[in-house]
Amino acid sequence: MNWQLIWQVVFVGLLFGFAAMSVLVIINGAKDVRRLLSGLEDARTNADATGSDEMPTQ
C-alpha cells in the first residue's frame, strides 16, 4: 500500500462521513423547525381563544 492510496481511502471515507452528517442535520433540523412552527401555531391559537394579544413566554 502506498501513501496515495491511503490518503484516497481517508478522503473518500471523510466525504461519506460528511455526507451522512449533512443528511442527519437536515432531517433533524427539519423536525426542529416543524416542532417550532407547531408550537407557534398552538400559542397563536391559544392567544386567539383567550383574546390576548401577547404571546406566552417560556
N, C-alpha and C. Protein backbone atom coordinates (compact mmCIF):
# COMPACT_ATOMS: atom_id res chain seq x y z
N MET A 1 0.85 -1.18 0.00
CA MET A 1 0.00 0.00 0.00
C MET A 1 0.89 1.24 0.00
N ASN A 2 0.58 2.14 -0.87
CA ASN A 2 1.36 3.38 -0.90
C ASN A 2 0.57 4.52 -0.26
N TRP A 3 1.22 5.63 -0.02
CA TRP A 3 0.62 6.77 0.68
C TRP A 3 -0.54 7.37 -0.09
N GLN A 4 -0.46 7.38 -1.39
CA GLN A 4 -1.55 7.97 -2.18
C GLN A 4 -2.84 7.19 -1.98
N LEU A 5 -2.76 5.88 -1.99
CA LEU A 5 -3.95 5.05 -1.80
C LEU A 5 -4.52 5.23 -0.40
N ILE A 6 -3.65 5.30 0.59
CA ILE A 6 -4.12 5.50 1.97
C ILE A 6 -4.87 6.82 2.09
N TRP A 7 -4.32 7.90 1.54
CA TRP A 7 -4.97 9.20 1.64
C TRP A 7 -6.24 9.26 0.79
N GLN A 8 -6.28 8.52 -0.30
CA GLN A 8 -7.51 8.47 -1.09
C GLN A 8 -8.62 7.78 -0.30
N VAL A 9 -8.28 6.70 0.38
CA VAL A 9 -9.27 5.99 1.20
C VAL A 9 -9.75 6.88 2.34
N VAL A 10 -8.82 7.58 2.98
CA VAL A 10 -9.19 8.50 4.07
C VAL A 10 -10.09 9.61 3.53
N PHE A 11 -9.74 10.18 2.38
CA PHE A 11 -10.52 11.26 1.80
C PHE A 11 -11.94 10.81 1.45
N VAL A 12 -12.06 9.66 0.79
CA VAL A 12 -13.38 9.16 0.42
C VAL A 12 -14.20 8.84 1.68
N GLY A 13 -13.55 8.26 2.69
CA GLY A 13 -14.25 7.98 3.94
C GLY A 13 -14.77 9.24 4.61
N LEU A 14 -13.94 10.28 4.60
CA LEU A 14 -14.37 11.55 5.19
C LEU A 14 -15.49 12.20 4.38
N LEU A 15 -15.44 12.06 3.06
CA LEU A 15 -16.53 12.59 2.23
C LEU A 15 -17.85 11.90 2.56
N PHE A 16 -17.81 10.57 2.70
CA PHE A 16 -19.04 9.85 3.05
C PHE A 16 -19.51 10.23 4.45
N GLY A 17 -18.57 10.39 5.38
CA GLY A 17 -18.94 10.82 6.72
C GLY A 17 -19.58 12.19 6.73
N PHE A 18 -19.01 13.12 5.95
CA PHE A 18 -19.57 14.46 5.86
C PHE A 18 -20.97 14.43 5.24
N ALA A 19 -21.14 13.61 4.20
CA ALA A 19 -22.45 13.50 3.56
C ALA A 19 -23.48 12.94 4.54
N ALA A 20 -23.09 11.93 5.30
CA ALA A 20 -24.02 11.33 6.27
C ALA A 20 -24.39 12.33 7.35
N MET A 21 -23.41 13.07 7.86
CA MET A 21 -23.71 14.08 8.88
C MET A 21 -24.62 15.17 8.31
N SER A 22 -24.39 15.56 7.07
CA SER A 22 -25.24 16.58 6.44
C SER A 22 -26.68 16.12 6.35
N VAL A 23 -26.88 14.88 5.96
CA VAL A 23 -28.24 14.34 5.86
C VAL A 23 -28.89 14.30 7.24
N LEU A 24 -28.16 13.87 8.25
CA LEU A 24 -28.72 13.83 9.60
C LEU A 24 -29.08 15.21 10.11
N VAL A 25 -28.24 16.19 9.85
CA VAL A 25 -28.52 17.56 10.28
C VAL A 25 -29.75 18.11 9.56
N ILE A 26 -29.88 17.82 8.27
CA ILE A 26 -31.04 18.29 7.51
C ILE A 26 -32.32 17.67 8.06
N ILE A 27 -32.30 16.37 8.30
CA ILE A 27 -33.50 15.68 8.79
C ILE A 27 -33.88 16.17 10.19
N ASN A 28 -32.91 16.20 11.10
CA ASN A 28 -33.21 16.65 12.46
C ASN A 28 -33.54 18.14 12.51
N GLY A 29 -32.92 18.94 11.67
CA GLY A 29 -33.25 20.36 11.60
C GLY A 29 -34.67 20.58 11.12
N ALA A 30 -35.09 19.79 10.14
CA ALA A 30 -36.46 19.92 9.64
C ALA A 30 -37.46 19.55 10.73
N LYS A 31 -37.13 18.53 11.52
CA LYS A 31 -38.01 18.15 12.64
C LYS A 31 -38.11 19.29 13.65
N ASP A 32 -36.97 19.91 13.96
CA ASP A 32 -36.97 21.02 14.91
C ASP A 32 -37.77 22.20 14.40
N VAL A 33 -37.63 22.53 13.13
CA VAL A 33 -38.37 23.65 12.56
C VAL A 33 -39.87 23.34 12.57
N ARG A 34 -40.22 22.11 12.23
CA ARG A 34 -41.63 21.71 12.25
C ARG A 34 -42.20 21.83 13.66
N ARG A 35 -41.42 21.40 14.67
CA ARG A 35 -41.87 21.50 16.06
C ARG A 35 -41.99 22.95 16.49
N LEU A 36 -41.04 23.79 16.07
CA LEU A 36 -41.09 25.21 16.39
C LEU A 36 -42.34 25.85 15.80
N LEU A 37 -42.61 25.60 14.54
CA LEU A 37 -43.78 26.19 13.89
C LEU A 37 -45.07 25.67 14.50
N SER A 38 -45.09 24.41 14.89
CA SER A 38 -46.28 23.86 15.55
C SER A 38 -46.51 24.54 16.89
N GLY A 39 -45.43 24.77 17.64
CA GLY A 39 -45.57 25.45 18.92
C GLY A 39 -46.04 26.88 18.75
N LEU A 40 -45.55 27.56 17.72
CA LEU A 40 -46.02 28.92 17.47
C LEU A 40 -47.49 28.95 17.06
N GLU A 41 -47.89 27.97 16.28
CA GLU A 41 -49.29 27.89 15.87
C GLU A 41 -50.19 27.62 17.08
N ASP A 42 -49.74 26.73 17.97
CA ASP A 42 -50.51 26.45 19.18
C ASP A 42 -50.61 27.69 20.06
N ALA A 43 -49.52 28.42 20.19
CA ALA A 43 -49.53 29.64 21.01
C ALA A 43 -50.45 30.68 20.39
N ARG A 44 -50.44 30.77 19.08
CA ARG A 44 -51.32 31.73 18.40
C ARG A 44 -52.78 31.34 18.58
N THR A 45 -53.07 30.06 18.47
CA THR A 45 -54.44 29.58 18.65
C THR A 45 -54.92 29.84 20.07
N ASN A 46 -54.04 29.58 21.05
CA ASN A 46 -54.42 29.83 22.45
C ASN A 46 -54.60 31.32 22.71
N ALA A 47 -53.77 32.15 22.10
CA ALA A 47 -53.90 33.59 22.28
C ALA A 47 -55.19 34.09 21.65
N ASP A 48 -55.56 33.54 20.49
CA ASP A 48 -56.81 33.93 19.85
C ASP A 48 -58.01 33.49 20.69
N ALA A 49 -57.93 32.32 21.30
CA ALA A 49 -59.04 31.79 22.09
C ALA A 49 -59.25 32.60 23.36
N THR A 50 -58.16 33.10 23.93
CA THR A 50 -58.28 33.86 25.18
C THR A 50 -58.47 35.35 24.93
N GLY A 51 -58.28 35.77 23.68
CA GLY A 51 -58.44 37.17 23.34
C GLY A 51 -57.23 38.01 23.70
N SER A 52 -56.13 37.37 24.00
CA SER A 52 -54.91 38.07 24.39
C SER A 52 -54.08 38.38 23.14
N ASP A 53 -53.46 39.57 23.13
CA ASP A 53 -52.59 39.94 22.02
C ASP A 53 -51.15 39.54 22.29
N GLU A 54 -50.84 39.16 23.52
CA GLU A 54 -49.45 38.83 23.87
C GLU A 54 -49.22 37.33 23.69
N MET A 55 -48.03 37.01 23.19
CA MET A 55 -47.64 35.61 23.05
C MET A 55 -47.06 35.16 24.38
N PRO A 56 -47.37 33.95 24.79
CA PRO A 56 -46.83 33.46 26.06
C PRO A 56 -45.33 33.25 25.97
N THR A 57 -44.63 33.49 27.06
CA THR A 57 -43.19 33.27 27.10
C THR A 57 -42.92 31.95 27.77
N GLN A 58 -41.74 31.41 27.49
CA GLN A 58 -41.40 30.11 28.08
C GLN A 58 -40.39 30.27 29.15
